[in-house]
Amino acid sequence: MEHQIKGERIFDLSDKTSPDITPGRYKQLADLIRHFKPKTILETGTARGFSALCMSKAINDLKINGKII
């Protein structure tokens, strides 16, 4: 499942070579965001930023007025 922002490929959830985020982990993050509807998410960042991109996508898809810092 490939996602794009402004026409650029940002990540591919079916890519098995990226240990950062799996489709199951993406669903967990999206479910947490759907449940809690956070206004602010603090992303500490320990890898390549895929989690932040997934959370950003979930916030946009769910039309939540939130931000990631």
C-alpha atoms as a PDB file:
ATOM      1  CA  MET A   1       0.000   0.000   0.000  1.00  0.00           C
ATOM      2  CA  GLU A   2       1.787   3.107  -1.217  1.00  0.00           C
ATOM      3  CA  HIS A   3       0.904   6.568   0.029  1.00  0.00           C
ATOM      4  CA  GLN A   4       1.723   9.887  -1.553  1.00  0.00           C
ATOM      5  CA  ILE A   5       1.945  13.490  -0.448  1.00  0.00           C
ATOM      6  CA  LYS A   6       1.963  16.114  -3.187  1.00  0.00           C
ATOM      7  CA  GLY A   7       2.633  13.439  -5.802  1.00  0.00           C
ATOM      8  CA  GLU A   8       5.768  12.042  -4.135  1.00  0.00           C
ATOM      9  CA  ARG A   9       6.040   8.475  -2.854  1.00  0.00           C
ATOM     10  CA  ILE A  10       6.692   8.664   0.869  1.00  0.00           C
ATOM     11  CA  PHE A  11       6.493   5.047   1.982  1.00  0.00           C
ATOM     12  CA  ASP A  12       5.317   1.636   0.967  1.00  0.00           C
ATOM     13  CA  LEU A  13       3.631  -0.386   3.731  1.00  0.00           C
ATOM     14  CA  SER A  14       4.066  -3.605   1.749  1.00  0.00           C
ATOM     15  CA  ASP A  15       7.855  -3.178   1.665  1.00  0.00           C
ATOM     16  CA  LYS A  16       9.140  -6.062   3.813  1.00  0.00           C
ATOM     17  CA  THR A  17      12.673  -4.589   3.942  1.00  0.00           C
ATOM     18  CA  SER A  18      11.598  -1.702   6.188  1.00  0.00           C
ATOM     19  CA  PRO A  19      11.380  -2.854   9.816  1.00  0.00           C
ATOM     20  CA  ASP A  20      10.183   0.559  10.996  1.00  0.00           C
ATOM     21  CA  ILE A  21       6.483   0.142  10.288  1.00  0.00           C
ATOM     22  CA  THR A  22       4.392  -2.810   9.214  1.00  0.00           C
ATOM     23  CA  PRO A  23       0.784  -2.789   8.042  1.00  0.00           C
ATOM     24  CA  GLY A  24      -0.232  -4.134  11.464  1.00  0.00           C
ATOM     25  CA  ARG A  25       1.695  -1.386  13.269  1.00  0.00           C
ATOM     26  CA  TYR A  26       0.175   1.246  10.987  1.00  0.00           C
ATOM     27  CA  LYS A  27      -3.304  -0.060  11.872  1.00  0.00           C
ATOM     28  CA  GLN A  28      -2.457   0.097  15.590  1.00  0.00           C
ATOM     29  CA  LEU A  29      -1.317   3.716  15.295  1.00  0.00           C
ATOM     30  CA  ALA A  30      -4.379   4.669  13.250  1.00  0.00           C
ATOM     31  CA  ASP A  31      -6.681   2.916  15.743  1.00  0.00           C
ATOM     32  CA  LEU A  32      -5.086   4.792  18.663  1.00  0.00           C
ATOM     33  CA  ILE A  33      -5.485   8.089  16.846  1.00  0.00           C
ATOM     34  CA  ARG A  34      -9.085   7.250  15.930  1.00  0.00           C
ATOM     35  CA  HIS A  35      -9.873   6.396  19.568  1.00  0.00           C
ATOM     36  CA  PHE A  36      -8.101   9.274  21.357  1.00  0.00           C
ATOM     37  CA  LYS A  37      -8.372  11.998  18.665  1.00  0.00           C
ATOM     38  CA  PRO A  38      -5.258  13.778  19.960  1.00  0.00           C
ATOM     39  CA  LYS A  39      -4.711  17.480  19.291  1.00  0.00           C
ATOM     40  CA  THR A  40      -0.931  17.108  19.670  1.00  0.00           C
ATOM     41  CA  ILE A  41       1.344  14.084  19.188  1.00  0.00           C
ATOM     42  CA  LEU A  42       4.947  14.212  20.393  1.00  0.00           C
ATOM     43  CA  GLU A  43       7.063  12.024  18.087  1.00  0.00           C
ATOM     44  CA  THR A  44      10.484  11.388  19.613  1.00  0.00           C
ATOM     45  CA  GLY A  45      11.888   9.760  16.475  1.00  0.00           C
ATOM     46  CA  THR A  46      14.265   6.819  16.730  1.00  0.00           C
ATOM     47  CA  ALA A  47      14.392   5.620  13.132  1.00  0.00           C
ATOM     48  CA  ARG A  48      13.475   7.019   9.717  1.00  0.00           C
ATOM     49  CA  GLY A  49      10.218   8.849  10.426  1.00  0.00           C
ATOM     50  CA  PHE A  50       7.760   6.298   9.056  1.00  0.00           C
ATOM     51  CA  SER A  51       5.699   6.327  12.257  1.00  0.00           C
ATOM     52  CA  ALA A  52       5.345  10.103  12.050  1.00  0.00           C
ATOM     53  CA  LEU A  53       4.230   9.813   8.426  1.00  0.00           C
ATOM     54  CA  CYS A  54       1.695   7.123   9.332  1.00  0.00           C
ATOM     55  CA  MET A  55       0.305   9.191  12.191  1.00  0.00           C
ATOM     56  CA  SER A  56       0.135  12.230   9.941  1.00  0.00           C
ATOM     57  CA  LYS A  57      -1.773  10.232   7.343  1.00  0.00           C
ATOM     58  CA  ALA A  58      -4.189   8.940   9.998  1.00  0.00           C
ATOM     59  CA  ILE A  59      -4.800  12.475  11.316  1.00  0.00           C
ATOM     60  CA  ASN A  60      -5.526  13.695   7.789  1.00  0.00           C
ATOM     61  CA  ASP A  61      -7.687  10.699   6.850  1.00  0.00           C
ATOM     62  CA  LEU A  62      -9.748  11.047  10.033  1.00  0.00           C
ATOM     63  CA  LYS A  63      -9.979  14.816   9.600  1.00  0.00           C
ATOM     64  CA  ILE A  64      -8.650  15.454  13.102  1.00  0.00           C
ATOM     65  CA  ASN A  65      -7.426  18.980  13.787  1.00  0.00           C
ATOM     66  CA  GLY A  66      -4.124  17.843  15.295  1.00  0.00           C
ATOM     67  CA  LYS A  67      -0.404  18.195  14.833  1.00  0.00           C
ATOM     68  CA  ILE A  68       2.778  16.166  15.254  1.00  0.00           C
ATOM     69  CA  ILE A  69       5.761  17.841  16.893  1.00  0.00           C
END
